[in-house]
C-alpha atoms as a PDB file:
ATOM      1  CA  MET A   1      71.514 177.386 -24.560  1.00  0.00           C
ATOM      2  CA  GLY A   2      70.151 177.116 -27.915  1.00  0.00           C
ATOM      3  CA  GLN A   3      68.263 173.837 -27.091  1.00  0.00           C
ATOM      4  CA  SER A   4      64.480 173.735 -27.931  1.00  0.00           C
ATOM      5  CA  ASN A   5      61.990 172.121 -25.933  1.00  0.00           C
ATOM      6  CA  PRO A   6      59.982 169.981 -28.361  1.00  0.00           C
ATOM      7  CA  MET A   7      56.833 169.769 -25.886  1.00  0.00           C
ATOM      8  CA  MET A   8      56.851 173.781 -25.884  1.00  0.00           C
ATOM      9  CA  ASN A   9      56.775 173.607 -29.612  1.00  0.00           C
ATOM     10  CA  ILE A  10      53.965 171.287 -29.881  1.00  0.00           C
ATOM     11  CA  SER A  11      51.811 173.174 -27.224  1.00  0.00           C
ATOM     12  CA  GLY A  12      52.729 176.482 -28.857  1.00  0.00           C
ATOM     13  CA  ARG A  13      51.280 175.196 -32.079  1.00  0.00           C
ATOM     14  CA  ILE A  14      48.177 173.789 -30.421  1.00  0.00           C
ATOM     15  CA  VAL A  15      47.475 177.037 -28.706  1.00  0.00           C
ATOM     16  CA  ALA A  16      48.012 178.928 -32.037  1.00  0.00           C
ATOM     17  CA  GLY A  17      45.760 176.613 -33.820  1.00  0.00           C
ATOM     18  CA  VAL A  18      43.008 176.667 -31.270  1.00  0.00           C
ATOM     19  CA  PHE A  19      43.151 180.440 -31.299  1.00  0.00           C
ATOM     20  CA  LEU A  20      42.870 180.521 -35.110  1.00  0.00           C
ATOM     21  CA  ILE A  21      39.796 178.107 -34.974  1.00  0.00           C
ATOM     22  CA  LEU A  22      38.121 180.190 -32.349  1.00  0.00           C
ATOM     23  CA  LEU A  23      38.747 183.413 -34.186  1.00  0.00           C
ATOM     24  CA  GLY A  24      37.360 181.724 -37.350  1.00  0.00           C
ATOM     25  CA  VAL A  25      34.171 180.590 -35.624  1.00  0.00           C
ATOM     26  CA  LEU A  26      33.677 184.195 -34.278  1.00  0.00           C
ATOM     27  CA  PHE A  27      33.748 185.602 -37.672  1.00  0.00           C
ATOM     28  CA  LEU A  28      31.428 182.840 -39.168  1.00  0.00           C
ATOM     29  CA  MET A  29      28.859 183.386 -36.389  1.00  0.00           C
ATOM     30  CA  GLN A  30      28.999 187.282 -36.936  1.00  0.00           C
ATOM     31  CA  GLN A  31      28.566 186.606 -40.798  1.00  0.00           C
ATOM     32  CA  LEU A  32      25.523 184.226 -40.089  1.00  0.00           C
ATOM     33  CA  GLY A  33      24.049 186.829 -37.698  1.00  0.00           C
ATOM     34  CA  ILE A  34      24.220 184.680 -34.572  1.00  0.00           C
ATOM     35  CA  ILE A  35      26.371 187.263 -32.650  1.00  0.00           C
ATOM     36  CA  GLN A  36      27.512 190.905 -33.047  1.00  0.00           C
ATOM     37  CA  LEU A  37      31.243 191.503 -32.804  1.00  0.00           C
ATOM     38  CA  ASP A  38      31.083 195.198 -31.881  1.00  0.00           C
ATOM     39  CA  ILE A  39      32.143 194.544 -28.224  1.00  0.00           C
ATOM     40  CA  ILE A  40      35.063 192.437 -29.439  1.00  0.00           C
ATOM     41  CA  ALA A  41      36.074 195.235 -31.690  1.00  0.00           C
ATOM     42  CA  LYS A  42      36.528 197.397 -28.834  1.00  0.00           C
ATOM     43  CA  LEU A  43      38.098 194.967 -26.405  1.00  0.00           C
ATOM     44  CA  TRP A  44      40.636 193.276 -28.755  1.00  0.00           C
ATOM     45  CA  PRO A  45      43.730 194.887 -27.060  1.00  0.00           C
ATOM     46  CA  LEU A  46      42.778 192.714 -24.002  1.00  0.00           C
ATOM     47  CA  ALA A  47      43.393 189.528 -25.810  1.00  0.00           C
ATOM     48  CA  ILE A  48      46.895 190.783 -26.463  1.00  0.00           C
ATOM     49  CA  ILE A  49      47.460 191.580 -22.676  1.00  0.00           C
ATOM     50  CA  VAL A  50      45.932 187.996 -21.746  1.00  0.00           C
ATOM     51  CA  VAL A  51      48.571 186.404 -24.253  1.00  0.00           C
ATOM     52  CA  GLY A  52      51.239 188.281 -22.751  1.00  0.00           C
ATOM     53  CA  VAL A  53      50.459 187.295 -19.241  1.00  0.00           C
ATOM     54  CA  VAL A  54      49.903 183.628 -20.258  1.00  0.00           C
ATOM     55  CA  LEU A  55      53.446 183.786 -21.881  1.00  0.00           C
ATOM     56  CA  VAL A  56      55.243 185.532 -19.107  1.00  0.00           C
ATOM     57  CA  PHE A  57      53.830 183.273 -16.462  1.00  0.00           C
ATOM     58  CA  GLY A  58      54.065 180.071 -18.616  1.00  0.00           C
ATOM     59  CA  TRP A  59      57.625 180.885 -19.353  1.00  0.00           C
ATOM     60  CA  SER A  60      58.552 181.505 -15.679  1.00  0.00           C
ATOM     61  CA  LYS A  61      56.846 178.355 -14.583  1.00  0.00           C
ATOM     62  CA  ASN A  62      58.838 176.148 -16.935  1.00  0.00           C
ATOM     63  CA  ARG A  63      62.018 177.671 -16.117  1.00  0.00           C
END
């Protein structure tokens, strides 16, 4: 108890970094007029659900 798995910390940082990069690319593409983010504005709660499911199943898988 209280021990941290270094691989979990690294993979969590990678996932967070990739997420932020993708989010930035989406906003840049919207500003350049390449895509419209209207649909994303309506479906953003789905991203929270997906992250939750990945965390739950990823956590139970490593246990």
